[in-house]
Every structure is written in C-alpha cells, then in structure tokens.
Amino acid sequence: MLLICELKDDALAALLARYGMTLDRVSNDADIPGSYWGDNEAGLVGNRLCVRDTTPVHSALHETSHFVCMDDARRMQLHRDAGGDHAEENAVCYLQILLAEHLTQVDRARMQSDMDAWGYTFRLGSAHAWFEHDATDAREWLQRHDVIDSASRITWRLRA
C-alpha cells in the first residue's frame, strides 16, 4: 500500500485545501487524532485530516471523501466518526477513487488495488469490478449532491 511518506509533493495538501480542509501531520509515535480505526489510519477532526508518514494514502482519501460527502450538520460536529448510511459510504468509496487521480503517485488502478489489499469488500470481488460495473448508485448519489458532474468529473464542492 502506498503510504503518505511516499507522496513526493504537496498535492494532498492542495487537494484538501480545495475543500477547505487542512493536512495535520503528526509524528510517527503519536496517536492520530480523530482516527476511527486507530493504528496508522487517517483521522478527522473538524476540517483537519490527521495522518502520519505511515498512514496509507487510501485511508487519507477515504476520510477526505467522508468530509466531502457528509452534510453540513455532521461536518460541524465532526470528530472521528463520519457517520452516514450505506449509500453515502458507497459514494465515499467512489469519490476516493476519483480523487486518487489528483495525486502524482496515484491513479485509479493503484487506489483500487490498495483498497482491495486493505480489505474493502465489494459484491463483484474487487474495487475495480465494483467501480466499473456496479457503482451506478454511488455515481448517481455523488451527482445528486453536486460532488461530481454528469460526466463524473469532480466539482470540488462539498455536499450541501
């Protein structure tokens, strides 16, 4: 899995800034604030994405996508648990794959592979198969909430 320390530019911080988020890098021996899963997994505290060098990039993009996809009321109280329902979780997974293409060392295939390696589960057996053949509901959810447009391009808007 690609780790935060392997990103060679400031693309993640720039991506977060487009959504009004900041990147909070903590030392490798510190607990990650707002981490739902603990260990090396990214955390959310308000508009801060908290990571270590050893945080997987897929985790950072997944939590970023949660921030983007949640409604304003949840975003205002955000600390650790992004909440949301099954449809929103699917949208989060779809968006993290799209966001991957905006980081220099990542693309859709790498993101999908890392998602599979971490243990994300999809009906069709892989993130790639799900994204290509079974994610219509996730894509439509993102379009309905103006997170992506009708051509599946990121709008860089938060769900309102």
N, C-alpha and C. Protein backbone atom coordinates (compact mmCIF):
# COMPACT_ATOMS: atom_id res chain seq x y z
N MET A 1 0.83 -1.18 0.00
CA MET A 1 0.00 0.00 0.00
C MET A 1 0.88 1.24 0.00
N LEU A 2 0.47 2.20 -0.78
CA LEU A 2 1.17 3.47 -0.85
C LEU A 2 0.93 4.25 0.45
N LEU A 3 2.01 4.76 1.03
CA LEU A 3 1.94 5.49 2.30
C LEU A 3 2.13 6.99 2.08
N ILE A 4 1.66 7.76 3.03
CA ILE A 4 1.78 9.22 2.97
C ILE A 4 3.24 9.63 2.74
N CYS A 5 4.18 8.97 3.40
CA CYS A 5 5.60 9.34 3.27
C CYS A 5 6.13 9.15 1.85
N GLU A 6 5.41 8.40 1.02
CA GLU A 6 5.85 8.16 -0.35
C GLU A 6 5.34 9.22 -1.33
N LEU A 7 4.45 10.09 -0.87
CA LEU A 7 4.00 11.19 -1.73
C LEU A 7 5.11 12.22 -1.78
N LYS A 8 5.49 12.63 -2.96
CA LYS A 8 6.68 13.46 -3.11
C LYS A 8 6.39 14.94 -3.34
N ASP A 9 5.17 15.35 -3.23
CA ASP A 9 4.86 16.76 -3.42
C ASP A 9 3.74 17.17 -2.46
N ASP A 10 3.26 18.36 -2.62
CA ASP A 10 2.22 18.87 -1.73
C ASP A 10 0.82 18.69 -2.32
N ALA A 11 0.66 17.74 -3.22
CA ALA A 11 -0.63 17.56 -3.90
C ALA A 11 -1.75 17.21 -2.92
N LEU A 12 -1.48 16.42 -1.89
CA LEU A 12 -2.53 16.07 -0.94
C LEU A 12 -3.01 17.32 -0.19
N ALA A 13 -2.08 18.13 0.29
CA ALA A 13 -2.46 19.36 0.99
C ALA A 13 -3.23 20.29 0.04
N ALA A 14 -2.83 20.37 -1.21
CA ALA A 14 -3.53 21.21 -2.19
C ALA A 14 -4.93 20.68 -2.46
N LEU A 15 -5.06 19.36 -2.57
CA LEU A 15 -6.37 18.74 -2.78
C LEU A 15 -7.29 19.06 -1.60
N LEU A 16 -6.79 18.90 -0.39
CA LEU A 16 -7.58 19.18 0.79
C LEU A 16 -8.01 20.66 0.84
N ALA A 17 -7.11 21.54 0.49
CA ALA A 17 -7.41 22.98 0.53
C ALA A 17 -8.58 23.33 -0.38
N ARG A 18 -8.74 22.61 -1.48
CA ARG A 18 -9.87 22.87 -2.39
C ARG A 18 -11.21 22.64 -1.70
N TYR A 19 -11.21 21.84 -0.64
CA TYR A 19 -12.41 21.56 0.13
C TYR A 19 -12.43 22.30 1.47
N GLY A 20 -11.49 23.21 1.68
CA GLY A 20 -11.44 23.93 2.95
C GLY A 20 -10.89 23.10 4.08
N MET A 21 -10.12 22.07 3.75
CA MET A 21 -9.52 21.19 4.75
C MET A 21 -8.03 21.49 4.89
N THR A 22 -7.47 21.08 6.01
CA THR A 22 -6.03 21.20 6.22
C THR A 22 -5.45 19.82 6.53
N LEU A 23 -4.19 19.66 6.20
CA LEU A 23 -3.47 18.42 6.48
C LEU A 23 -2.69 18.60 7.77
N ASP A 24 -2.92 17.72 8.72
CA ASP A 24 -2.25 17.76 10.02
C ASP A 24 -1.40 16.50 10.12
N ARG A 25 -0.09 16.66 9.97
CA ARG A 25 0.83 15.53 10.05
C ARG A 25 1.33 15.41 11.48
N VAL A 26 1.12 14.25 12.06
CA VAL A 26 1.58 14.00 13.43
C VAL A 26 2.80 13.09 13.39
N SER A 27 3.57 13.09 14.46
CA SER A 27 4.77 12.26 14.50
C SER A 27 4.38 10.78 14.46
N ASN A 28 5.30 9.98 13.99
CA ASN A 28 5.03 8.56 13.81
C ASN A 28 4.80 7.81 15.12
N ASP A 29 5.21 8.39 16.23
CA ASP A 29 4.99 7.72 17.52
C ASP A 29 3.76 8.26 18.25
N ALA A 30 3.04 9.18 17.64
CA ALA A 30 1.86 9.77 18.27
C ALA A 30 0.58 9.07 17.77
N ASP A 31 -0.43 9.07 18.63
CA ASP A 31 -1.75 8.63 18.18
C ASP A 31 -2.28 9.63 17.16
N ILE A 32 -3.02 9.13 16.20
CA ILE A 32 -3.59 10.01 15.18
C ILE A 32 -4.93 10.53 15.71
N PRO A 33 -5.04 11.84 15.92
CA PRO A 33 -6.31 12.40 16.41
C PRO A 33 -7.44 12.08 15.43
N GLY A 34 -8.59 11.75 15.97
CA GLY A 34 -9.78 11.54 15.16
C GLY A 34 -9.79 10.29 14.32
N SER A 35 -8.86 9.36 14.56
CA SER A 35 -8.82 8.13 13.77
C SER A 35 -9.90 7.16 14.23
N TYR A 36 -10.77 6.75 13.34
CA TYR A 36 -11.85 5.82 13.67
C TYR A 36 -11.28 4.42 13.92
N TRP A 37 -10.34 3.99 13.07
CA TRP A 37 -9.80 2.64 13.14
C TRP A 37 -8.56 2.55 14.02
N GLY A 38 -7.95 3.69 14.36
CA GLY A 38 -6.72 3.65 15.14
C GLY A 38 -5.53 3.25 14.30
N ASP A 39 -4.46 2.84 14.95
CA ASP A 39 -3.22 2.42 14.31
C ASP A 39 -2.73 3.53 13.38
N ASN A 40 -2.52 3.23 12.12
CA ASN A 40 -1.99 4.20 11.15
C ASN A 40 -3.08 4.89 10.34
N GLU A 41 -4.33 4.60 10.61
CA GLU A 41 -5.43 5.10 9.78
C GLU A 41 -5.69 6.59 10.01
N ALA A 42 -6.01 7.30 8.94
CA ALA A 42 -6.25 8.74 8.97
C ALA A 42 -7.39 9.08 9.93
N GLY A 43 -7.34 10.30 10.44
CA GLY A 43 -8.37 10.78 11.34
C GLY A 43 -8.98 12.08 10.87
N LEU A 44 -10.19 12.33 11.32
CA LEU A 44 -10.90 13.58 11.02
C LEU A 44 -11.26 14.30 12.31
N VAL A 45 -10.87 15.56 12.38
CA VAL A 45 -11.25 16.43 13.48
C VAL A 45 -11.62 17.76 12.83
N GLY A 46 -12.91 18.03 12.80
CA GLY A 46 -13.37 19.24 12.11
C GLY A 46 -12.94 19.17 10.65
N ASN A 47 -12.28 20.23 10.19
CA ASN A 47 -11.82 20.25 8.79
C ASN A 47 -10.37 19.80 8.65
N ARG A 48 -9.83 19.15 9.68
CA ARG A 48 -8.45 18.66 9.66
C ARG A 48 -8.41 17.17 9.33
N LEU A 49 -7.57 16.82 8.38
CA LEU A 49 -7.27 15.42 8.10
C LEU A 49 -5.94 15.13 8.79
N CYS A 50 -5.95 14.20 9.73
CA CYS A 50 -4.77 13.89 10.53
C CYS A 50 -4.14 12.59 10.02
N VAL A 51 -2.83 12.63 9.78
CA VAL A 51 -2.10 11.47 9.25
C VAL A 51 -0.71 11.40 9.86
N ARG A 52 -0.10 10.23 9.73
CA ARG A 52 1.33 10.02 10.00
C ARG A 52 1.99 9.71 8.66
N ASP A 53 3.30 9.64 8.66
CA ASP A 53 4.01 9.20 7.46
C ASP A 53 3.57 7.79 7.06
N THR A 54 3.20 6.98 8.06
CA THR A 54 2.84 5.58 7.82
C THR A 54 1.36 5.36 7.53
N THR A 55 0.61 6.44 7.37
CA THR A 55 -0.81 6.33 7.03
C THR A 55 -0.94 5.96 5.55
N PRO A 56 -1.74 4.95 5.22
CA PRO A 56 -1.97 4.63 3.81
C PRO A 56 -2.70 5.78 3.11
N VAL A 57 -2.31 6.06 1.89
CA VAL A 57 -2.94 7.12 1.10
C VAL A 57 -4.43 6.83 0.92
N HIS A 58 -4.79 5.55 0.73
CA HIS A 58 -6.21 5.23 0.54
C HIS A 58 -7.02 5.66 1.76
N SER A 59 -6.45 5.54 2.96
CA SER A 59 -7.13 5.94 4.17
C SER A 59 -7.33 7.45 4.20
N ALA A 60 -6.30 8.20 3.81
CA ALA A 60 -6.41 9.66 3.77
C ALA A 60 -7.49 10.10 2.79
N LEU A 61 -7.54 9.48 1.62
CA LEU A 61 -8.55 9.85 0.63
C LEU A 61 -9.94 9.39 1.04
N HIS A 62 -10.03 8.27 1.73
CA HIS A 62 -11.33 7.80 2.20
C HIS A 62 -11.91 8.78 3.22
N GLU A 63 -11.11 9.20 4.18
CA GLU A 63 -11.59 10.14 5.19
C GLU A 63 -11.88 11.50 4.58
N THR A 64 -11.07 11.92 3.63
CA THR A 64 -11.36 13.17 2.89
C THR A 64 -12.71 13.07 2.22
N SER A 65 -12.97 11.94 1.59
CA SER A 65 -14.25 11.74 0.89
C SER A 65 -15.41 11.76 1.87
N HIS A 66 -15.22 11.22 3.06
CA HIS A 66 -16.27 11.31 4.09
C HIS A 66 -16.58 12.78 4.38
N PHE A 67 -15.55 13.59 4.56
CA PHE A 67 -15.74 15.02 4.84
C PHE A 67 -16.54 15.68 3.72
N VAL A 68 -16.21 15.38 2.49
CA VAL A 68 -16.88 15.97 1.33
C VAL A 68 -18.34 15.51 1.26
N CYS A 69 -18.60 14.25 1.54
CA CYS A 69 -19.93 13.66 1.33
C CYS A 69 -20.90 13.85 2.49
N MET A 70 -20.42 14.21 3.67
CA MET A 70 -21.34 14.37 4.78
C MET A 70 -22.08 15.70 4.66
N ASP A 71 -23.21 15.80 5.34
CA ASP A 71 -23.97 17.05 5.30
C ASP A 71 -23.34 18.05 6.27
N ASP A 72 -23.76 19.30 6.14
CA ASP A 72 -23.18 20.38 6.94
C ASP A 72 -23.33 20.14 8.44
N ALA A 73 -24.47 19.63 8.88
CA ALA A 73 -24.70 19.42 10.32
C ALA A 73 -23.68 18.45 10.89
N ARG A 74 -23.40 17.35 10.20
CA ARG A 74 -22.40 16.39 10.68
C ARG A 74 -21.00 16.97 10.58
N ARG A 75 -20.74 17.72 9.51
CA ARG A 75 -19.42 18.32 9.31
C ARG A 75 -19.09 19.29 10.45
N MET A 76 -20.08 20.01 10.93
CA MET A 76 -19.87 20.99 12.01
C MET A 76 -19.48 20.32 13.33
N GLN A 77 -19.87 19.07 13.54
CA GLN A 77 -19.60 18.37 14.80
C GLN A 77 -18.55 17.27 14.63
N LEU A 78 -17.88 17.25 13.51
CA LEU A 78 -17.02 16.13 13.15
C LEU A 78 -15.85 15.93 14.11
N HIS A 79 -15.80 14.74 14.66
CA HIS A 79 -14.65 14.27 15.41
C HIS A 79 -14.68 12.75 15.40
N ARG A 80 -13.85 12.16 14.55
CA ARG A 80 -13.63 10.72 14.48
C ARG A 80 -14.66 9.96 13.67
N ASP A 81 -15.91 10.01 14.02
CA ASP A 81 -16.92 9.17 13.37
C ASP A 81 -17.69 9.99 12.33
N ALA A 82 -17.44 9.70 11.05
CA ALA A 82 -18.08 10.44 9.97
C ALA A 82 -19.56 10.11 9.84
N GLY A 83 -19.97 8.95 10.34
CA GLY A 83 -21.39 8.57 10.25
C GLY A 83 -21.79 8.33 8.80
N GLY A 84 -23.07 8.48 8.52
CA GLY A 84 -23.57 8.27 7.17
C GLY A 84 -24.19 6.90 7.01
N ASP A 85 -24.91 6.74 5.93
CA ASP A 85 -25.59 5.47 5.65
C ASP A 85 -24.83 4.68 4.58
N HIS A 86 -25.40 3.56 4.19
CA HIS A 86 -24.75 2.67 3.22
C HIS A 86 -24.54 3.37 1.87
N ALA A 87 -25.55 4.11 1.42
CA ALA A 87 -25.44 4.81 0.13
C ALA A 87 -24.31 5.83 0.16
N GLU A 88 -24.20 6.55 1.27
CA GLU A 88 -23.13 7.54 1.39
C GLU A 88 -21.76 6.85 1.44
N GLU A 89 -21.66 5.74 2.12
CA GLU A 89 -20.38 5.01 2.19
C GLU A 89 -19.95 4.57 0.79
N ASN A 90 -20.88 4.11 -0.02
CA ASN A 90 -20.55 3.75 -1.40
C ASN A 90 -20.05 4.96 -2.17
N ALA A 91 -20.71 6.10 -1.98
CA ALA A 91 -20.29 7.34 -2.64
C ALA A 91 -18.88 7.73 -2.21
N VAL A 92 -18.58 7.55 -0.93
CA VAL A 92 -17.25 7.86 -0.39
C VAL A 92 -16.20 7.00 -1.10
N CYS A 93 -16.45 5.72 -1.24
CA CYS A 93 -15.50 4.82 -1.92
C CYS A 93 -15.30 5.24 -3.38
N TYR A 94 -16.37 5.60 -4.04
CA TYR A 94 -16.28 6.03 -5.44
C TYR A 94 -15.46 7.31 -5.55
N LEU A 95 -15.76 8.27 -4.68
CA LEU A 95 -15.05 9.55 -4.73
C LEU A 95 -13.57 9.38 -4.43
N GLN A 96 -13.21 8.53 -3.49
CA GLN A 96 -11.78 8.37 -3.19
C GLN A 96 -11.02 7.84 -4.40
N ILE A 97 -11.67 7.02 -5.22
CA ILE A 97 -11.03 6.53 -6.44
C ILE A 97 -10.83 7.68 -7.43
N LEU A 98 -11.83 8.55 -7.55
CA LEU A 98 -11.69 9.71 -8.43
C LEU A 98 -10.61 10.67 -7.92
N LEU A 99 -10.59 10.90 -6.62
CA LEU A 99 -9.60 11.82 -6.04
C LEU A 99 -8.17 11.33 -6.24
N ALA A 100 -7.99 10.02 -6.29
CA ALA A 100 -6.65 9.45 -6.44
C ALA A 100 -5.92 10.00 -7.65
N GLU A 101 -6.65 10.30 -8.68
CA GLU A 101 -6.03 10.79 -9.92
C GLU A 101 -5.47 12.20 -9.78
N HIS A 102 -5.72 12.84 -8.67
CA HIS A 102 -5.22 14.20 -8.44
C HIS A 102 -3.98 14.21 -7.56
N LEU A 103 -3.42 13.04 -7.30
CA LEU A 103 -2.15 12.91 -6.60
C LEU A 103 -1.12 12.33 -7.56
N THR A 104 0.06 12.86 -7.54
CA THR A 104 1.08 12.49 -8.53
C THR A 104 1.39 11.00 -8.58
N GLN A 105 1.54 10.35 -7.43
CA GLN A 105 1.96 8.95 -7.42
C GLN A 105 0.81 7.96 -7.44
N VAL A 106 -0.41 8.42 -7.63
CA VAL A 106 -1.57 7.54 -7.51
C VAL A 106 -2.43 7.66 -8.76
N ASP A 107 -3.17 6.62 -9.06
CA ASP A 107 -4.19 6.65 -10.10
C ASP A 107 -5.30 5.70 -9.68
N ARG A 108 -6.31 5.56 -10.51
CA ARG A 108 -7.45 4.71 -10.15
C ARG A 108 -7.03 3.28 -9.85
N ALA A 109 -6.20 2.73 -10.72
CA ALA A 109 -5.80 1.32 -10.56
C ALA A 109 -5.06 1.12 -9.24
N ARG A 110 -4.15 2.02 -8.91
CA ARG A 110 -3.40 1.89 -7.66
C ARG A 110 -4.33 2.02 -6.46
N MET A 111 -5.26 2.98 -6.51
CA MET A 111 -6.19 3.16 -5.41
C MET A 111 -7.04 1.91 -5.22
N GLN A 112 -7.55 1.36 -6.32
CA GLN A 112 -8.40 0.17 -6.24
C GLN A 112 -7.61 -1.02 -5.69
N SER A 113 -6.39 -1.16 -6.12
CA SER A 113 -5.54 -2.25 -5.62
C SER A 113 -5.28 -2.10 -4.13
N ASP A 114 -4.99 -0.89 -3.68
CA ASP A 114 -4.75 -0.66 -2.25
C ASP A 114 -6.01 -0.87 -1.43
N MET A 115 -7.16 -0.50 -1.98
CA MET A 115 -8.43 -0.74 -1.29
C MET A 115 -8.65 -2.24 -1.11
N ASP A 116 -8.39 -3.01 -2.15
CA ASP A 116 -8.53 -4.47 -2.05
C ASP A 116 -7.56 -5.05 -1.03
N ALA A 117 -6.32 -4.57 -1.06
CA ALA A 117 -5.30 -5.08 -0.14
C ALA A 117 -5.66 -4.79 1.31
N TRP A 118 -6.29 -3.65 1.57
CA TRP A 118 -6.67 -3.28 2.94
C TRP A 118 -7.83 -4.12 3.43
N GLY A 119 -8.71 -4.51 2.50
CA GLY A 119 -9.83 -5.35 2.90
C GLY A 119 -11.21 -4.77 2.62
N TYR A 120 -11.29 -3.71 1.82
CA TYR A 120 -12.60 -3.25 1.39
C TYR A 120 -13.27 -4.42 0.68
N THR A 121 -14.57 -4.57 0.83
CA THR A 121 -15.27 -5.68 0.18
C THR A 121 -16.37 -5.15 -0.73
N PHE A 122 -16.46 -5.76 -1.88
CA PHE A 122 -17.45 -5.38 -2.88
C PHE A 122 -18.09 -6.65 -3.44
N ARG A 123 -19.36 -6.54 -3.80
CA ARG A 123 -20.11 -7.70 -4.32
C ARG A 123 -19.41 -8.41 -5.47
N LEU A 124 -18.79 -7.65 -6.34
CA LEU A 124 -18.17 -8.26 -7.52
C LEU A 124 -16.74 -8.72 -7.26
N GLY A 125 -16.28 -8.61 -6.01
CA GLY A 125 -15.00 -9.20 -5.64
C GLY A 125 -13.80 -8.26 -5.63
N SER A 126 -13.90 -7.09 -6.25
CA SER A 126 -12.78 -6.16 -6.24
C SER A 126 -13.28 -4.73 -6.41
N ALA A 127 -12.46 -3.80 -5.98
CA ALA A 127 -12.81 -2.39 -6.13
C ALA A 127 -12.93 -2.03 -7.61
N HIS A 128 -12.04 -2.57 -8.43
CA HIS A 128 -12.10 -2.28 -9.87
C HIS A 128 -13.41 -2.77 -10.49
N ALA A 129 -13.77 -4.01 -10.22
CA ALA A 129 -15.02 -4.56 -10.79
C ALA A 129 -16.22 -3.76 -10.30
N TRP A 130 -16.23 -3.42 -9.01
CA TRP A 130 -17.32 -2.62 -8.47
C TRP A 130 -17.40 -1.26 -9.17
N PHE A 131 -16.27 -0.57 -9.26
CA PHE A 131 -16.24 0.77 -9.85
C PHE A 131 -16.71 0.75 -11.30
N GLU A 132 -16.28 -0.24 -12.05
CA GLU A 132 -16.60 -0.30 -13.48
C GLU A 132 -18.00 -0.85 -13.78
N HIS A 133 -18.53 -1.74 -12.92
CA HIS A 133 -19.75 -2.47 -13.28
C HIS A 133 -20.89 -2.43 -12.27
N ASP A 134 -20.66 -1.87 -11.07
CA ASP A 134 -21.69 -1.99 -10.04
C ASP A 134 -21.83 -0.73 -9.17
N ALA A 135 -21.28 0.38 -9.63
CA ALA A 135 -21.26 1.58 -8.79
C ALA A 135 -22.20 2.68 -9.29
N THR A 136 -23.18 2.32 -10.09
CA THR A 136 -24.10 3.32 -10.62
C THR A 136 -24.77 4.11 -9.50
N ASP A 137 -25.18 3.42 -8.44
CA ASP A 137 -25.84 4.10 -7.32
C ASP A 137 -24.91 5.11 -6.65
N ALA A 138 -23.64 4.78 -6.51
CA ALA A 138 -22.67 5.68 -5.89
C ALA A 138 -22.44 6.91 -6.78
N ARG A 139 -22.28 6.67 -8.07
CA ARG A 139 -22.09 7.77 -9.02
C ARG A 139 -23.30 8.70 -9.02
N GLU A 140 -24.50 8.13 -9.04
CA GLU A 140 -25.72 8.94 -9.03
C GLU A 140 -25.86 9.72 -7.73
N TRP A 141 -25.48 9.13 -6.61
CA TRP A 141 -25.52 9.82 -5.32
C TRP A 141 -24.61 11.06 -5.38
N LEU A 142 -23.40 10.88 -5.87
CA LEU A 142 -22.45 11.99 -5.96
C LEU A 142 -22.96 13.08 -6.91
N GLN A 143 -23.58 12.69 -8.00
CA GLN A 143 -24.14 13.66 -8.94
C GLN A 143 -25.32 14.40 -8.30
N ARG A 144 -26.18 13.68 -7.64
CA ARG A 144 -27.36 14.29 -6.99
C ARG A 144 -26.94 15.33 -5.95
N HIS A 145 -25.82 15.11 -5.29
CA HIS A 145 -25.34 16.03 -4.26
C HIS A 145 -24.29 17.00 -4.80
N ASP A 146 -24.14 17.05 -6.13
CA ASP A 146 -23.26 18.01 -6.82
C ASP A 146 -21.79 17.86 -6.44
N VAL A 147 -21.39 16.66 -6.06
CA VAL A 147 -19.98 16.41 -5.75
C VAL A 147 -19.21 16.08 -7.02
N ILE A 148 -19.89 15.45 -7.98
CA ILE A 148 -19.35 15.25 -9.32
C ILE A 148 -20.41 15.71 -10.32
N ASP A 149 -19.99 15.96 -11.56
CA ASP A 149 -20.94 16.39 -12.57
C ASP A 149 -21.44 15.20 -13.39
N SER A 150 -22.22 15.44 -14.41
CA SER A 150 -22.82 14.36 -15.19
C SER A 150 -21.79 13.53 -15.96
N ALA A 151 -20.59 14.07 -16.12
CA ALA A 151 -19.51 13.33 -16.78
C ALA A 151 -18.56 12.70 -15.74
N SER A 152 -18.99 12.66 -14.49
CA SER A 152 -18.21 12.09 -13.37
C SER A 152 -16.92 12.83 -13.09
N ARG A 153 -16.90 14.12 -13.39
CA ARG A 153 -15.77 14.97 -13.04
C ARG A 153 -16.04 15.60 -11.68
N ILE A 154 -15.01 15.69 -10.87
CA ILE A 154 -15.13 16.28 -9.54
C ILE A 154 -15.48 17.76 -9.67
N THR A 155 -16.45 18.22 -8.91
CA THR A 155 -16.85 19.63 -8.93
C THR A 155 -16.08 20.47 -7.91
N TRP A 156 -15.41 19.82 -6.97
CA TRP A 156 -14.69 20.46 -5.88
C TRP A 156 -15.63 21.22 -4.95
N ARG A 157 -16.87 20.73 -4.86
CA ARG A 157 -17.85 21.28 -3.94
C ARG A 157 -18.15 20.26 -2.86
N LEU A 158 -18.37 20.74 -1.64
CA LEU A 158 -18.84 19.89 -0.56
C LEU A 158 -20.34 19.63 -0.75
N ARG A 159 -20.78 18.48 -0.29
CA ARG A 159 -22.23 18.24 -0.23
C ARG A 159 -22.86 19.33 0.63
N ALA A 160 -23.92 19.90 0.11
CA ALA A 160 -24.59 20.98 0.86
C ALA A 160 -25.66 20.39 1.75
